[in-house]
Amino acid sequence: MSADDDAPSLADLRDTIAQRSREAMRAILTRARNRGEIADADPPRRVRSVALDLLGYHVLMSRRGATPEEIAEIVDDVFLPLVGAQRP
């Protein structure tokens, strides 16, 4: 048996990343609800995943990490309006 036999598969890695992303987003939304920034900490699945999906798409298509400005655009212009965040 080689060391490669114990290596996780691409599907295993994808599942692990997806699970961690879901857990992180639930925690973020719960904290935002507790602070009164959003009304519902459990929006539809697609709404919960859209920010990280857009970030992943950006990285895949541009082959570089997102800048702080690009992340702010995703959060401020797409994600926050979808979750009904109250803007200052």
C-alpha atoms as a PDB file:
ATOM      1  CA  MET A   1       0.000   0.000   0.000  1.00  0.00           C
ATOM      2  CA  SER A   2       1.410   3.373  -0.980  1.00  0.00           C
ATOM      3  CA  ALA A   3       0.909   6.693   0.773  1.00  0.00           C
ATOM      4  CA  ASP A   4      -1.405   7.719  -2.074  1.00  0.00           C
ATOM      5  CA  ASP A   5      -3.881   5.007  -1.100  1.00  0.00           C
ATOM      6  CA  ASP A   6      -4.662   6.911   2.110  1.00  0.00           C
ATOM      7  CA  ALA A   7      -4.924  10.317   0.445  1.00  0.00           C
ATOM      8  CA  PRO A   8      -8.367  11.869   0.414  1.00  0.00           C
ATOM      9  CA  SER A   9     -10.162  11.908  -2.909  1.00  0.00           C
ATOM     10  CA  LEU A  10     -11.192  15.103  -4.642  1.00  0.00           C
ATOM     11  CA  ALA A  11     -14.786  14.323  -3.642  1.00  0.00           C
ATOM     12  CA  ASP A  12     -13.714  14.001   0.007  1.00  0.00           C
ATOM     13  CA  LEU A  13     -11.966  17.369  -0.130  1.00  0.00           C
ATOM     14  CA  ARG A  14     -14.955  19.003  -1.822  1.00  0.00           C
ATOM     15  CA  ASP A  15     -17.323  17.610   0.812  1.00  0.00           C
ATOM     16  CA  THR A  16     -15.091  18.762   3.662  1.00  0.00           C
ATOM     17  CA  ILE A  17     -14.777  22.273   2.235  1.00  0.00           C
ATOM     18  CA  ALA A  18     -18.527  22.471   1.601  1.00  0.00           C
ATOM     19  CA  GLN A  19     -19.346  21.338   5.138  1.00  0.00           C
ATOM     20  CA  ARG A  20     -16.952  23.839   6.700  1.00  0.00           C
ATOM     21  CA  SER A  21     -18.337  26.620   4.511  1.00  0.00           C
ATOM     22  CA  ARG A  22     -21.914  25.805   5.553  1.00  0.00           C
ATOM     23  CA  GLU A  23     -20.938  25.762   9.235  1.00  0.00           C
ATOM     24  CA  ALA A  24     -19.071  29.066   8.954  1.00  0.00           C
ATOM     25  CA  MET A  25     -21.969  30.751   7.145  1.00  0.00           C
ATOM     26  CA  ARG A  26     -24.488  29.537   9.727  1.00  0.00           C
ATOM     27  CA  ALA A  27     -22.311  31.014  12.493  1.00  0.00           C
ATOM     28  CA  ILE A  28     -21.957  34.315  10.611  1.00  0.00           C
ATOM     29  CA  LEU A  29     -25.711  34.558  10.041  1.00  0.00           C
ATOM     30  CA  THR A  30     -26.531  33.654  13.636  1.00  0.00           C
ATOM     31  CA  ARG A  31     -24.203  36.366  14.940  1.00  0.00           C
ATOM     32  CA  ALA A  32     -25.709  38.903  12.526  1.00  0.00           C
ATOM     33  CA  ARG A  33     -29.218  37.996  13.692  1.00  0.00           C
ATOM     34  CA  ASN A  34     -28.175  38.236  17.342  1.00  0.00           C
ATOM     35  CA  ARG A  35     -26.818  41.740  16.664  1.00  0.00           C
ATOM     36  CA  GLY A  36     -30.106  42.706  14.993  1.00  0.00           C
ATOM     37  CA  GLU A  37     -28.507  43.183  11.577  1.00  0.00           C
ATOM     38  CA  ILE A  38     -30.739  40.620   9.849  1.00  0.00           C
ATOM     39  CA  ALA A  39     -34.165  39.238  10.695  1.00  0.00           C
ATOM     40  CA  ASP A  40     -33.621  35.580   9.783  1.00  0.00           C
ATOM     41  CA  ALA A  41     -30.506  33.507  10.462  1.00  0.00           C
ATOM     42  CA  ASP A  42     -31.747  30.728   8.173  1.00  0.00           C
ATOM     43  CA  PRO A  43     -32.343  32.138   4.685  1.00  0.00           C
ATOM     44  CA  PRO A  44     -32.709  29.748   1.734  1.00  0.00           C
ATOM     45  CA  ARG A  45     -29.724  27.526   0.957  1.00  0.00           C
ATOM     46  CA  ARG A  46     -28.764  29.406  -2.223  1.00  0.00           C
ATOM     47  CA  VAL A  47     -28.789  32.727  -0.392  1.00  0.00           C
ATOM     48  CA  ARG A  48     -26.573  31.280   2.342  1.00  0.00           C
ATOM     49  CA  SER A  49     -24.050  30.012  -0.191  1.00  0.00           C
ATOM     50  CA  VAL A  50     -23.989  32.816  -2.751  1.00  0.00           C
ATOM     51  CA  ALA A  51     -21.139  34.873  -1.252  1.00  0.00           C
ATOM     52  CA  LEU A  52     -18.721  31.950  -1.052  1.00  0.00           C
ATOM     53  CA  ASP A  53     -19.899  30.637  -4.433  1.00  0.00           C
ATOM     54  CA  LEU A  54     -19.149  34.011  -6.049  1.00  0.00           C
ATOM     55  CA  LEU A  55     -15.775  34.186  -4.362  1.00  0.00           C
ATOM     56  CA  GLY A  56     -14.917  30.668  -5.549  1.00  0.00           C
ATOM     57  CA  TYR A  57     -16.038  31.517  -9.089  1.00  0.00           C
ATOM     58  CA  HIS A  58     -13.901  34.646  -9.039  1.00  0.00           C
ATOM     59  CA  VAL A  59     -10.817  32.691  -7.934  1.00  0.00           C
ATOM     60  CA  LEU A  60     -11.444  29.971 -10.511  1.00  0.00           C
ATOM     61  CA  MET A  61     -11.993  32.334 -13.427  1.00  0.00           C
ATOM     62  CA  SER A  62      -9.345  34.949 -12.624  1.00  0.00           C
ATOM     63  CA  ARG A  63      -6.818  32.442 -11.235  1.00  0.00           C
ATOM     64  CA  ARG A  64      -6.004  34.813  -8.382  1.00  0.00           C
ATOM     65  CA  GLY A  65      -7.318  35.647  -4.968  1.00  0.00           C
ATOM     66  CA  ALA A  66      -9.923  38.346  -4.567  1.00  0.00           C
ATOM     67  CA  THR A  67      -8.840  41.772  -3.413  1.00  0.00           C
ATOM     68  CA  PRO A  68     -10.381  43.278  -0.280  1.00  0.00           C
ATOM     69  CA  GLU A  69     -12.375  45.592  -2.562  1.00  0.00           C
ATOM     70  CA  GLU A  70     -13.761  42.662  -4.564  1.00  0.00           C
ATOM     71  CA  ILE A  71     -14.735  40.845  -1.374  1.00  0.00           C
ATOM     72  CA  ALA A  72     -16.449  43.998  -0.114  1.00  0.00           C
ATOM     73  CA  GLU A  73     -18.414  44.218  -3.387  1.00  0.00           C
ATOM     74  CA  ILE A  74     -19.615  40.632  -3.039  1.00  0.00           C
ATOM     75  CA  VAL A  75     -20.632  41.163   0.570  1.00  0.00           C
ATOM     76  CA  ASP A  76     -22.072  44.680   0.327  1.00  0.00           C
ATOM     77  CA  ASP A  77     -23.681  44.588  -3.128  1.00  0.00           C
ATOM     78  CA  VAL A  78     -24.879  40.979  -3.327  1.00  0.00           C
ATOM     79  CA  PHE A  79     -24.943  39.099  -0.030  1.00  0.00           C
ATOM     80  CA  LEU A  80     -26.183  41.699   2.432  1.00  0.00           C
ATOM     81  CA  PRO A  81     -29.153  42.765   0.292  1.00  0.00           C
ATOM     82  CA  LEU A  82     -30.129  39.107  -0.151  1.00  0.00           C
ATOM     83  CA  VAL A  83     -30.200  38.440   3.584  1.00  0.00           C
ATOM     84  CA  GLY A  84     -32.067  41.657   4.248  1.00  0.00           C
ATOM     85  CA  ALA A  85     -29.279  43.318   6.204  1.00  0.00           C
ATOM     86  CA  GLN A  86     -29.954  46.735   7.644  1.00  0.00           C
ATOM     87  CA  ARG A  87     -27.458  49.232   6.241  1.00  0.00           C
ATOM     88  CA  PRO A  88     -26.228  52.051   8.496  1.00  0.00           C
END
